[in-house]
C-alpha cells in the first residue's frame, strides 16, 4: 500500500524544508526573469488565484457542453462566487490576459460566447510551477512524483483543477498572517517574498533576525520593476510590524526578516505543498 499525502504539519516539521523551499523559490524567480510579463499573472495572491481558476475552467471544459466552456462571463462568475475578486477586477484581469496573449480566443468558437483558452506559452510556464513543487515534495520524502508526472504530462489537465480546488479551500493559503498579507497585495509581492527568502542562509533560519541578501531598496525595486517609493512604503510598514529591519543604516545595509515573518512564509509554502501533494495522490494513485 502507498502512503497517504503529506499534510501541512508533516511538511512544516521537516528539518531541511527551508533548503528545499529556497531551491523552489529560485526556480520561480528564474521563471519570473525569463518571462516577467507572463509571471506577472502570479504577481499578487488575488491574481495568482484568478489564474488558477481560469486554468481549472480551461482544463474542465467540455466541447459538447457550452455551460462548461471558459468564457469571460463564466470566469467572472466563478471568481466572484469563490470570493477571490470583484466582478470588475475579474473582468479587468481577463482583458489584460487577452491583451498580452496570455489567453486567447478559441479559433472557430461560437461568436456569441467567445470561448477562451490559455496560450501554449502560459501552459508551459505553469508546468514549470508544477514541476518546481513536485521536486520539493520529492526532496521531503524521497518520492518519485516528478518522474511519474514527466512520464504522463497530459495529466496536467486532471492535476491542475484539483490544485486550484485545494488552494481555494485552504485557509492558511487564503488567510495568511499579518506580514504575509501585507506583501500579497503588493504588485509582484510573491516574488518579493521569494527573493527575500531565497537569499537566506538555511543555517540562520533559527535566528530571531535572519539576514537576507538584500542591501539596496533601489536595486531591489529596479529588478522587480516596481516603484521604489511603493516598495519602500510596504517595507516601512513591515518594519513597523517588527517583521523586517536593517543590520545597519536603513536601506544601506543588509535587510533582515524576523523569525515570525519567516515562519509565516514557510507555513504558507507548506500549506501550498500539501495541496499539490493531495492533488497529485488523487491523480497518480500509488501502485498496490
C-alpha atoms as a PDB file:
ATOM      1  CA  UNK A   1       0.000   0.000   0.000  1.00  0.00           C
ATOM      2  CA  UNK A   2       1.222   3.515  -0.766  1.00  0.00           C
ATOM      3  CA  UNK A   3       1.441   6.193   1.858  1.00  0.00           C
ATOM      4  CA  UNK A   4      -1.090   8.990   2.246  1.00  0.00           C
ATOM      5  CA  UNK A   5      -0.412  12.520   1.030  1.00  0.00           C
ATOM      6  CA  UNK A   6       1.786  14.739   3.214  1.00  0.00           C
ATOM      7  CA  UNK A   7      -0.115  17.258   5.329  1.00  0.00           C
ATOM      8  CA  UNK A   8       0.893  20.774   6.327  1.00  0.00           C
ATOM      9  CA  UNK A   9       2.269  19.631   9.705  1.00  0.00           C
ATOM     10  CA  UNK A  10       4.422  16.873   8.133  1.00  0.00           C
ATOM     11  CA  UNK A  11       5.918  19.308   5.656  1.00  0.00           C
ATOM     12  CA  UNK A  12       6.396  22.211   8.095  1.00  0.00           C
ATOM     13  CA  UNK A  13       8.218  19.916  10.552  1.00  0.00           C
ATOM     14  CA  UNK A  14      10.799  18.688   8.032  1.00  0.00           C
ATOM     15  CA  UNK A  15      14.275  19.804   9.200  1.00  0.00           C
ATOM     16  CA  UNK A  16      15.504  20.586   5.667  1.00  0.00           C
ATOM     17  CA  UNK A  17      12.332  22.332   4.485  1.00  0.00           C
ATOM     18  CA  UNK A  18      13.975  25.742   4.183  1.00  0.00           C
ATOM     19  CA  UNK A  19      16.732  24.425   1.901  1.00  0.00           C
ATOM     20  CA  UNK A  20      14.167  22.780  -0.383  1.00  0.00           C
ATOM     21  CA  UNK A  21      11.793  25.752  -0.445  1.00  0.00           C
ATOM     22  CA  UNK A  22      14.757  28.014  -1.190  1.00  0.00           C
ATOM     23  CA  UNK A  23      15.554  25.914  -4.293  1.00  0.00           C
ATOM     24  CA  UNK A  24      11.860  26.121  -5.241  1.00  0.00           C
ATOM     25  CA  UNK A  25      11.872  29.926  -4.814  1.00  0.00           C
ATOM     26  CA  UNK A  26      14.948  30.178  -7.035  1.00  0.00           C
ATOM     27  CA  UNK A  27      13.136  28.141  -9.730  1.00  0.00           C
ATOM     28  CA  UNK A  28      10.146  30.513  -9.560  1.00  0.00           C
ATOM     29  CA  UNK A  29      12.452  33.545  -9.701  1.00  0.00           C
ATOM     30  CA  UNK A  30      14.030  32.121 -12.888  1.00  0.00           C
ATOM     31  CA  UNK A  31      10.550  31.836 -14.449  1.00  0.00           C
ATOM     32  CA  UNK A  32       9.935  35.470 -13.477  1.00  0.00           C
ATOM     33  CA  UNK A  33      13.235  36.613 -15.001  1.00  0.00           C
ATOM     34  CA  UNK A  34      12.641  34.705 -18.257  1.00  0.00           C
ATOM     35  CA  UNK A  35       9.086  35.991 -18.775  1.00  0.00           C
ATOM     36  CA  UNK A  36       8.274  38.845 -16.376  1.00  0.00           C
ATOM     37  CA  UNK A  37       5.056  39.748 -18.225  1.00  0.00           C
ATOM     38  CA  UNK A  38       3.737  36.186 -18.008  1.00  0.00           C
ATOM     39  CA  UNK A  39       4.984  35.784 -14.436  1.00  0.00           C
ATOM     40  CA  UNK A  40       3.035  38.932 -13.522  1.00  0.00           C
ATOM     41  CA  UNK A  41      -0.188  36.894 -13.598  1.00  0.00           C
ATOM     42  CA  UNK A  42       1.081  35.397 -10.341  1.00  0.00           C
ATOM     43  CA  UNK A  43       2.110  38.840  -9.055  1.00  0.00           C
ATOM     44  CA  UNK A  44      -0.395  39.118  -6.201  1.00  0.00           C
ATOM     45  CA  UNK A  45      -2.265  36.367  -4.425  1.00  0.00           C
ATOM     46  CA  UNK A  46      -5.538  37.567  -5.933  1.00  0.00           C
ATOM     47  CA  UNK A  47      -4.149  37.362  -9.477  1.00  0.00           C
ATOM     48  CA  UNK A  48      -2.491  34.022  -8.707  1.00  0.00           C
ATOM     49  CA  UNK A  49      -5.823  32.539  -7.554  1.00  0.00           C
ATOM     50  CA  UNK A  50      -7.651  34.013 -10.562  1.00  0.00           C
ATOM     51  CA  UNK A  51      -5.052  32.402 -12.847  1.00  0.00           C
ATOM     52  CA  UNK A  52      -5.657  29.035 -11.150  1.00  0.00           C
ATOM     53  CA  UNK A  53      -9.434  29.465 -11.531  1.00  0.00           C
ATOM     54  CA  UNK A  54      -9.062  30.231 -15.242  1.00  0.00           C
ATOM     55  CA  UNK A  55      -6.743  27.280 -15.866  1.00  0.00           C
ATOM     56  CA  UNK A  56      -9.050  24.908 -13.972  1.00  0.00           C
ATOM     57  CA  UNK A  57     -12.037  26.068 -16.030  1.00  0.00           C
ATOM     58  CA  UNK A  58      -9.996  25.555 -19.220  1.00  0.00           C
ATOM     59  CA  UNK A  59      -8.987  22.018 -18.274  1.00  0.00           C
ATOM     60  CA  UNK A  60     -12.524  21.106 -17.172  1.00  0.00           C
ATOM     61  CA  UNK A  61     -14.135  22.413 -20.357  1.00  0.00           C
ATOM     62  CA  UNK A  62     -16.416  20.146 -22.352  1.00  0.00           C
ATOM     63  CA  UNK A  63     -16.635  20.996 -26.080  1.00  0.00           C
ATOM     64  CA  UNK A  64     -20.083  19.368 -26.140  1.00  0.00           C
ATOM     65  CA  UNK A  65     -21.444  21.392 -23.215  1.00  0.00           C
ATOM     66  CA  UNK A  66     -21.440  25.174 -23.566  1.00  0.00           C
ATOM     67  CA  UNK A  67     -22.134  25.521 -19.855  1.00  0.00           C
ATOM     68  CA  UNK A  68     -18.614  24.181 -19.184  1.00  0.00           C
ATOM     69  CA  UNK A  69     -16.710  26.430 -21.585  1.00  0.00           C
ATOM     70  CA  UNK A  70     -14.273  29.073 -20.339  1.00  0.00           C
ATOM     71  CA  UNK A  71     -15.868  32.379 -21.275  1.00  0.00           C
ATOM     72  CA  UNK A  72     -15.413  35.875 -19.842  1.00  0.00           C
ATOM     73  CA  UNK A  73     -18.838  35.831 -18.185  1.00  0.00           C
ATOM     74  CA  UNK A  74     -18.378  32.363 -16.647  1.00  0.00           C
ATOM     75  CA  UNK A  75     -14.881  33.266 -15.407  1.00  0.00           C
ATOM     76  CA  UNK A  76     -16.183  36.430 -13.741  1.00  0.00           C
ATOM     77  CA  UNK A  77     -18.994  34.446 -12.105  1.00  0.00           C
ATOM     78  CA  UNK A  78     -16.704  31.693 -10.721  1.00  0.00           C
ATOM     79  CA  UNK A  79     -14.143  34.221  -9.408  1.00  0.00           C
ATOM     80  CA  UNK A  80     -16.898  36.190  -7.677  1.00  0.00           C
ATOM     81  CA  UNK A  81     -18.613  33.079  -6.264  1.00  0.00           C
ATOM     82  CA  UNK A  82     -15.338  31.915  -4.679  1.00  0.00           C
ATOM     83  CA  UNK A  83     -14.733  35.393  -3.179  1.00  0.00           C
ATOM     84  CA  UNK A  84     -11.405  35.734  -4.989  1.00  0.00           C
ATOM     85  CA  UNK A  85     -12.122  39.165  -6.502  1.00  0.00           C
ATOM     86  CA  UNK A  86     -14.910  41.537  -7.501  1.00  0.00           C
ATOM     87  CA  UNK A  87     -16.598  41.183 -10.872  1.00  0.00           C
ATOM     88  CA  UNK A  88     -14.880  44.347 -12.126  1.00  0.00           C
ATOM     89  CA  UNK A  89     -11.435  43.091 -11.050  1.00  0.00           C
ATOM     90  CA  UNK A  90     -12.047  39.707 -12.703  1.00  0.00           C
ATOM     91  CA  UNK A  91     -13.189  41.434 -15.903  1.00  0.00           C
ATOM     92  CA  UNK A  92     -10.096  43.690 -15.976  1.00  0.00           C
ATOM     93  CA  UNK A  93      -7.839  40.660 -15.315  1.00  0.00           C
ATOM     94  CA  UNK A  94      -9.227  38.599 -18.210  1.00  0.00           C
ATOM     95  CA  UNK A  95      -8.966  41.610 -20.579  1.00  0.00           C
ATOM     96  CA  UNK A  96      -5.321  42.021 -19.589  1.00  0.00           C
ATOM     97  CA  UNK A  97      -4.684  38.300 -20.199  1.00  0.00           C
ATOM     98  CA  UNK A  98      -6.119  38.649 -23.722  1.00  0.00           C
ATOM     99  CA  UNK A  99      -4.215  41.886 -24.414  1.00  0.00           C
ATOM    100  CA  UNK A 100      -0.829  40.339 -23.554  1.00  0.00           C
ATOM    101  CA  UNK A 101      -1.523  36.992 -25.294  1.00  0.00           C
ATOM    102  CA  UNK A 102      -1.530  35.089 -22.032  1.00  0.00           C
ATOM    103  CA  UNK A 103      -5.008  33.905 -23.041  1.00  0.00           C
ATOM    104  CA  UNK A 104      -6.631  33.832 -26.481  1.00  0.00           C
ATOM    105  CA  UNK A 105     -10.000  33.238 -28.086  1.00  0.00           C
ATOM    106  CA  UNK A 106     -10.539  29.674 -29.311  1.00  0.00           C
ATOM    107  CA  UNK A 107     -10.341  29.574 -33.116  1.00  0.00           C
ATOM    108  CA  UNK A 108     -13.686  28.800 -34.710  1.00  0.00           C
ATOM    109  CA  UNK A 109     -15.539  29.214 -31.414  1.00  0.00           C
ATOM    110  CA  UNK A 110     -19.126  30.324 -31.092  1.00  0.00           C
ATOM    111  CA  UNK A 111     -19.207  34.035 -31.925  1.00  0.00           C
ATOM    112  CA  UNK A 112     -21.742  34.821 -29.207  1.00  0.00           C
ATOM    113  CA  UNK A 113     -19.941  33.232 -26.243  1.00  0.00           C
ATOM    114  CA  UNK A 114     -16.296  33.637 -27.350  1.00  0.00           C
ATOM    115  CA  UNK A 115     -14.657  30.659 -25.554  1.00  0.00           C
ATOM    116  CA  UNK A 116     -11.140  31.376 -24.268  1.00  0.00           C
ATOM    117  CA  UNK A 117      -8.055  29.282 -23.629  1.00  0.00           C
ATOM    118  CA  UNK A 118      -4.586  29.895 -22.178  1.00  0.00           C
ATOM    119  CA  UNK A 119      -1.843  30.127 -24.796  1.00  0.00           C
ATOM    120  CA  UNK A 120       0.763  27.368 -25.174  1.00  0.00           C
ATOM    121  CA  UNK A 121       3.411  29.616 -23.552  1.00  0.00           C
ATOM    122  CA  UNK A 122       1.160  30.095 -20.495  1.00  0.00           C
ATOM    123  CA  UNK A 123       0.685  26.336 -20.103  1.00  0.00           C
ATOM    124  CA  UNK A 124       4.443  25.815 -20.447  1.00  0.00           C
ATOM    125  CA  UNK A 125       5.246  28.333 -17.711  1.00  0.00           C
ATOM    126  CA  UNK A 126       2.603  26.920 -15.420  1.00  0.00           C
ATOM    127  CA  UNK A 127       4.112  23.464 -15.955  1.00  0.00           C
ATOM    128  CA  UNK A 128       7.343  24.932 -14.542  1.00  0.00           C
ATOM    129  CA  UNK A 129       5.414  25.968 -11.406  1.00  0.00           C
ATOM    130  CA  UNK A 130       4.025  22.429 -11.004  1.00  0.00           C
ATOM    131  CA  UNK A 131       7.375  20.695 -11.529  1.00  0.00           C
ATOM    132  CA  UNK A 132       9.096  23.025  -9.003  1.00  0.00           C
ATOM    133  CA  UNK A 133       6.577  21.992  -6.319  1.00  0.00           C
ATOM    134  CA  UNK A 134       6.706  18.273  -7.187  1.00  0.00           C
ATOM    135  CA  UNK A 135      10.515  18.415  -6.952  1.00  0.00           C
ATOM    136  CA  UNK A 136      10.254  19.958  -3.458  1.00  0.00           C
ATOM    137  CA  UNK A 137       7.829  17.243  -2.320  1.00  0.00           C
ATOM    138  CA  UNK A 138      10.190  14.544  -3.641  1.00  0.00           C
ATOM    139  CA  UNK A 139      13.056  16.108  -1.652  1.00  0.00           C
ATOM    140  CA  UNK A 140      10.961  15.981   1.516  1.00  0.00           C
ATOM    141  CA  UNK A 141      10.150  12.269   1.450  1.00  0.00           C
ATOM    142  CA  UNK A 142      12.344  10.780  -1.283  1.00  0.00           C
ATOM    143  CA  UNK A 143       9.341  10.233  -3.567  1.00  0.00           C
ATOM    144  CA  UNK A 144       9.281   9.987  -7.359  1.00  0.00           C
ATOM    145  CA  UNK A 145       6.374  12.336  -8.161  1.00  0.00           C
ATOM    146  CA  UNK A 146       8.290  14.423 -10.693  1.00  0.00           C
ATOM    147  CA  UNK A 147       9.437  11.380 -12.666  1.00  0.00           C
ATOM    148  CA  UNK A 148       5.925   9.933 -12.707  1.00  0.00           C
ATOM    149  CA  UNK A 149       4.460  13.251 -13.805  1.00  0.00           C
ATOM    150  CA  UNK A 150       7.035  13.722 -16.598  1.00  0.00           C
ATOM    151  CA  UNK A 151       6.064  10.290 -17.937  1.00  0.00           C
ATOM    152  CA  UNK A 152       2.433  11.486 -18.127  1.00  0.00           C
ATOM    153  CA  UNK A 153       2.494  15.277 -18.725  1.00  0.00           C
ATOM    154  CA  UNK A 154      -1.047  15.008 -20.142  1.00  0.00           C
ATOM    155  CA  UNK A 155      -2.165  14.525 -16.525  1.00  0.00           C
ATOM    156  CA  UNK A 156      -1.749  18.287 -16.023  1.00  0.00           C
ATOM    157  CA  UNK A 157      -5.356  18.624 -17.229  1.00  0.00           C
ATOM    158  CA  UNK A 158      -6.525  16.497 -14.280  1.00  0.00           C
ATOM    159  CA  UNK A 159      -3.954  17.663 -11.732  1.00  0.00           C
ATOM    160  CA  UNK A 160      -4.270  21.459 -12.041  1.00  0.00           C
ATOM    161  CA  UNK A 161      -8.039  21.718 -11.373  1.00  0.00           C
ATOM    162  CA  UNK A 162      -7.572  19.676  -8.174  1.00  0.00           C
ATOM    163  CA  UNK A 163      -4.729  22.009  -7.124  1.00  0.00           C
ATOM    164  CA  UNK A 164      -6.998  25.004  -7.795  1.00  0.00           C
ATOM    165  CA  UNK A 165      -9.803  23.471  -5.700  1.00  0.00           C
ATOM    166  CA  UNK A 166      -7.369  22.826  -2.862  1.00  0.00           C
ATOM    167  CA  UNK A 167      -5.924  26.343  -2.911  1.00  0.00           C
ATOM    168  CA  UNK A 168      -9.390  27.927  -2.881  1.00  0.00           C
ATOM    169  CA  UNK A 169     -10.357  25.734   0.103  1.00  0.00           C
ATOM    170  CA  UNK A 170      -7.121  26.245   2.092  1.00  0.00           C
ATOM    171  CA  UNK A 171      -7.489  28.681   4.989  1.00  0.00           C
ATOM    172  CA  UNK A 172      -3.689  29.034   5.537  1.00  0.00           C
ATOM    173  CA  UNK A 173      -3.334  29.996   1.850  1.00  0.00           C
ATOM    174  CA  UNK A 174      -6.400  32.268   1.647  1.00  0.00           C
ATOM    175  CA  UNK A 175      -5.985  33.891   5.082  1.00  0.00           C
ATOM    176  CA  UNK A 176      -2.249  34.110   5.871  1.00  0.00           C
ATOM    177  CA  UNK A 177      -0.893  36.012   8.855  1.00  0.00           C
ATOM    178  CA  UNK A 178      -0.227  39.719   9.093  1.00  0.00           C
ATOM    179  CA  UNK A 179       3.076  40.345   7.310  1.00  0.00           C
ATOM    180  CA  UNK A 180       2.453  37.819   4.545  1.00  0.00           C
ATOM    181  CA  UNK A 181      -0.905  39.511   3.942  1.00  0.00           C
ATOM    182  CA  UNK A 182       0.869  42.860   3.664  1.00  0.00           C
ATOM    183  CA  UNK A 183       3.029  41.597   0.791  1.00  0.00           C
ATOM    184  CA  UNK A 184       0.470  39.511  -1.132  1.00  0.00           C
ATOM    185  CA  UNK A 185      -1.407  42.694  -2.062  1.00  0.00           C
ATOM    186  CA  UNK A 186       1.791  44.339  -3.330  1.00  0.00           C
ATOM    187  CA  UNK A 187       2.339  44.039  -7.072  1.00  0.00           C
ATOM    188  CA  UNK A 188       4.854  41.197  -7.523  1.00  0.00           C
ATOM    189  CA  UNK A 189       4.551  40.626  -3.762  1.00  0.00           C
ATOM    190  CA  UNK A 190       5.004  36.872  -4.092  1.00  0.00           C
ATOM    191  CA  UNK A 191       8.289  37.410  -5.920  1.00  0.00           C
ATOM    192  CA  UNK A 192       9.324  39.992  -3.278  1.00  0.00           C
ATOM    193  CA  UNK A 193       8.932  37.324  -0.578  1.00  0.00           C
ATOM    194  CA  UNK A 194      10.551  34.586  -2.691  1.00  0.00           C
ATOM    195  CA  UNK A 195      13.525  36.896  -3.303  1.00  0.00           C
ATOM    196  CA  UNK A 196      13.861  37.814   0.379  1.00  0.00           C
ATOM    197  CA  UNK A 197      13.681  34.179   1.482  1.00  0.00           C
ATOM    198  CA  UNK A 198      15.911  32.835  -1.314  1.00  0.00           C
ATOM    199  CA  UNK A 199      18.797  34.962  -0.029  1.00  0.00           C
ATOM    200  CA  UNK A 200      18.716  33.487   3.488  1.00  0.00           C
ATOM    201  CA  UNK A 201      21.396  31.085   4.683  1.00  0.00           C
ATOM    202  CA  UNK A 202      19.448  27.990   5.858  1.00  0.00           C
ATOM    203  CA  UNK A 203      21.789  27.766   8.871  1.00  0.00           C
ATOM    204  CA  UNK A 204      20.463  31.173  10.036  1.00  0.00           C
ATOM    205  CA  UNK A 205      16.789  30.144   9.925  1.00  0.00           C
ATOM    206  CA  UNK A 206      16.619  29.764  13.711  1.00  0.00           C
ATOM    207  CA  UNK A 207      17.776  33.340  14.453  1.00  0.00           C
ATOM    208  CA  UNK A 208      15.336  35.992  15.683  1.00  0.00           C
ATOM    209  CA  UNK A 209      16.626  38.373  12.985  1.00  0.00           C
ATOM    210  CA  UNK A 210      17.543  36.444   9.856  1.00  0.00           C
ATOM    211  CA  UNK A 211      19.868  38.234   7.368  1.00  0.00           C
ATOM    212  CA  UNK A 212      18.729  38.293   3.714  1.00  0.00           C
ATOM    213  CA  UNK A 213      20.688  39.062   0.542  1.00  0.00           C
ATOM    214  CA  UNK A 214      19.005  42.476   0.095  1.00  0.00           C
ATOM    215  CA  UNK A 215      21.020  45.656   0.683  1.00  0.00           C
ATOM    216  CA  UNK A 216      19.686  48.342  -1.689  1.00  0.00           C
ATOM    217  CA  UNK A 217      15.934  49.056  -1.876  1.00  0.00           C
ATOM    218  CA  UNK A 218      16.571  50.875  -5.175  1.00  0.00           C
ATOM    219  CA  UNK A 219      18.254  47.850  -6.801  1.00  0.00           C
ATOM    220  CA  UNK A 220      15.581  45.548  -5.394  1.00  0.00           C
ATOM    221  CA  UNK A 221      12.775  47.752  -6.782  1.00  0.00           C
ATOM    222  CA  UNK A 222      14.503  48.040 -10.171  1.00  0.00           C
ATOM    223  CA  UNK A 223      14.844  44.267 -10.508  1.00  0.00           C
ATOM    224  CA  UNK A 224      11.168  43.851  -9.583  1.00  0.00           C
ATOM    225  CA  UNK A 225      10.118  46.670 -11.956  1.00  0.00           C
ATOM    226  CA  UNK A 226       8.358  48.293  -9.012  1.00  0.00           C
ATOM    227  CA  UNK A 227       8.188  51.886  -7.885  1.00  0.00           C
ATOM    228  CA  UNK A 228      10.934  52.437  -5.295  1.00  0.00           C
ATOM    229  CA  UNK A 229       8.501  54.653  -3.357  1.00  0.00           C
ATOM    230  CA  UNK A 230       5.773  51.995  -3.356  1.00  0.00           C
ATOM    231  CA  UNK A 231       8.127  49.182  -2.328  1.00  0.00           C
ATOM    232  CA  UNK A 232       9.725  51.423   0.303  1.00  0.00           C
ATOM    233  CA  UNK A 233       6.298  52.206   1.784  1.00  0.00           C
ATOM    234  CA  UNK A 234       5.452  48.496   2.108  1.00  0.00           C
ATOM    235  CA  UNK A 235       8.839  47.740   3.621  1.00  0.00           C
ATOM    236  CA  UNK A 236       8.385  50.564   6.143  1.00  0.00           C
ATOM    237  CA  UNK A 237       5.000  49.139   7.172  1.00  0.00           C
ATOM    238  CA  UNK A 238       6.611  45.712   7.587  1.00  0.00           C
ATOM    239  CA  UNK A 239       9.377  47.382   9.601  1.00  0.00           C
ATOM    240  CA  UNK A 240       6.780  48.963  11.908  1.00  0.00           C
ATOM    241  CA  UNK A 241       5.336  45.471  12.483  1.00  0.00           C
ATOM    242  CA  UNK A 242       8.817  44.304  13.516  1.00  0.00           C
ATOM    243  CA  UNK A 243       8.905  41.897  10.560  1.00  0.00           C
ATOM    244  CA  UNK A 244      11.920  43.343   8.756  1.00  0.00           C
ATOM    245  CA  UNK A 245      14.765  45.700   9.531  1.00  0.00           C
ATOM    246  CA  UNK A 246      18.361  46.550   8.663  1.00  0.00           C
ATOM    247  CA  UNK A 247      21.521  45.414  10.383  1.00  0.00           C
ATOM    248  CA  UNK A 248      22.955  48.946   9.959  1.00  0.00           C
ATOM    249  CA  UNK A 249      21.725  52.107   8.229  1.00  0.00           C
ATOM    250  CA  UNK A 250      18.203  51.765   6.837  1.00  0.00           C
ATOM    251  CA  UNK A 251      18.278  50.986   3.115  1.00  0.00           C
ATOM    252  CA  UNK A 252      22.095  50.868   3.008  1.00  0.00           C
ATOM    253  CA  UNK A 253      22.875  47.680   4.939  1.00  0.00           C
ATOM    254  CA  UNK A 254      21.734  44.059   4.895  1.00  0.00           C
ATOM    255  CA  UNK A 255      17.993  43.654   5.429  1.00  0.00           C
ATOM    256  CA  UNK A 256      16.802  41.069   7.945  1.00  0.00           C
ATOM    257  CA  UNK A 257      13.449  39.337   8.303  1.00  0.00           C
ATOM    258  CA  UNK A 258      12.020  38.363  11.681  1.00  0.00           C
ATOM    259  CA  UNK A 259      11.710  34.729  12.666  1.00  0.00           C
ATOM    260  CA  UNK A 260       7.928  35.268  12.856  1.00  0.00           C
ATOM    261  CA  UNK A 261       7.729  36.528   9.253  1.00  0.00           C
ATOM    262  CA  UNK A 262       9.923  33.647   8.119  1.00  0.00           C
ATOM    263  CA  UNK A 263       7.591  31.174   9.869  1.00  0.00           C
ATOM    264  CA  UNK A 264       4.529  32.803   8.212  1.00  0.00           C
ATOM    265  CA  UNK A 265       6.156  32.359   4.791  1.00  0.00           C
ATOM    266  CA  UNK A 266       7.097  28.737   5.473  1.00  0.00           C
ATOM    267  CA  UNK A 267       3.588  27.912   6.771  1.00  0.00           C
ATOM    268  CA  UNK A 268       2.030  29.162   3.532  1.00  0.00           C
ATOM    269  CA  UNK A 269       4.617  27.213   1.481  1.00  0.00           C
ATOM    270  CA  UNK A 270       3.860  24.057   3.490  1.00  0.00           C
ATOM    271  CA  UNK A 271       0.104  24.539   3.017  1.00  0.00           C
ATOM    272  CA  UNK A 272       0.576  25.023  -0.735  1.00  0.00           C
ATOM    273  CA  UNK A 273       2.796  21.930  -0.999  1.00  0.00           C
ATOM    274  CA  UNK A 274       0.216  19.877   0.934  1.00  0.00           C
ATOM    275  CA  UNK A 275      -2.452  20.957  -1.579  1.00  0.00           C
ATOM    276  CA  UNK A 276      -0.220  19.939  -4.509  1.00  0.00           C
ATOM    277  CA  UNK A 277       0.584  16.575  -2.914  1.00  0.00           C
ATOM    278  CA  UNK A 278      -3.066  15.839  -2.167  1.00  0.00           C
ATOM    279  CA  UNK A 279      -3.964  16.613  -5.802  1.00  0.00           C
ATOM    280  CA  UNK A 280      -1.067  14.506  -7.057  1.00  0.00           C
ATOM    281  CA  UNK A 281      -2.141  11.497  -4.981  1.00  0.00           C
ATOM    282  CA  UNK A 282      -5.677  11.752  -6.406  1.00  0.00           C
ATOM    283  CA  UNK A 283      -4.285  11.765  -9.987  1.00  0.00           C
ATOM    284  CA  UNK A 284      -1.494   9.228  -9.537  1.00  0.00           C
ATOM    285  CA  UNK A 285      -2.692   6.562  -7.089  1.00  0.00           C
ATOM    286  CA  UNK A 286       0.240   4.549  -5.709  1.00  0.00           C
ATOM    287  CA  UNK A 287       0.639   1.013  -7.056  1.00  0.00           C
ATOM    288  CA  UNK A 288      -0.887  -1.653  -4.811  1.00  0.00           C
END
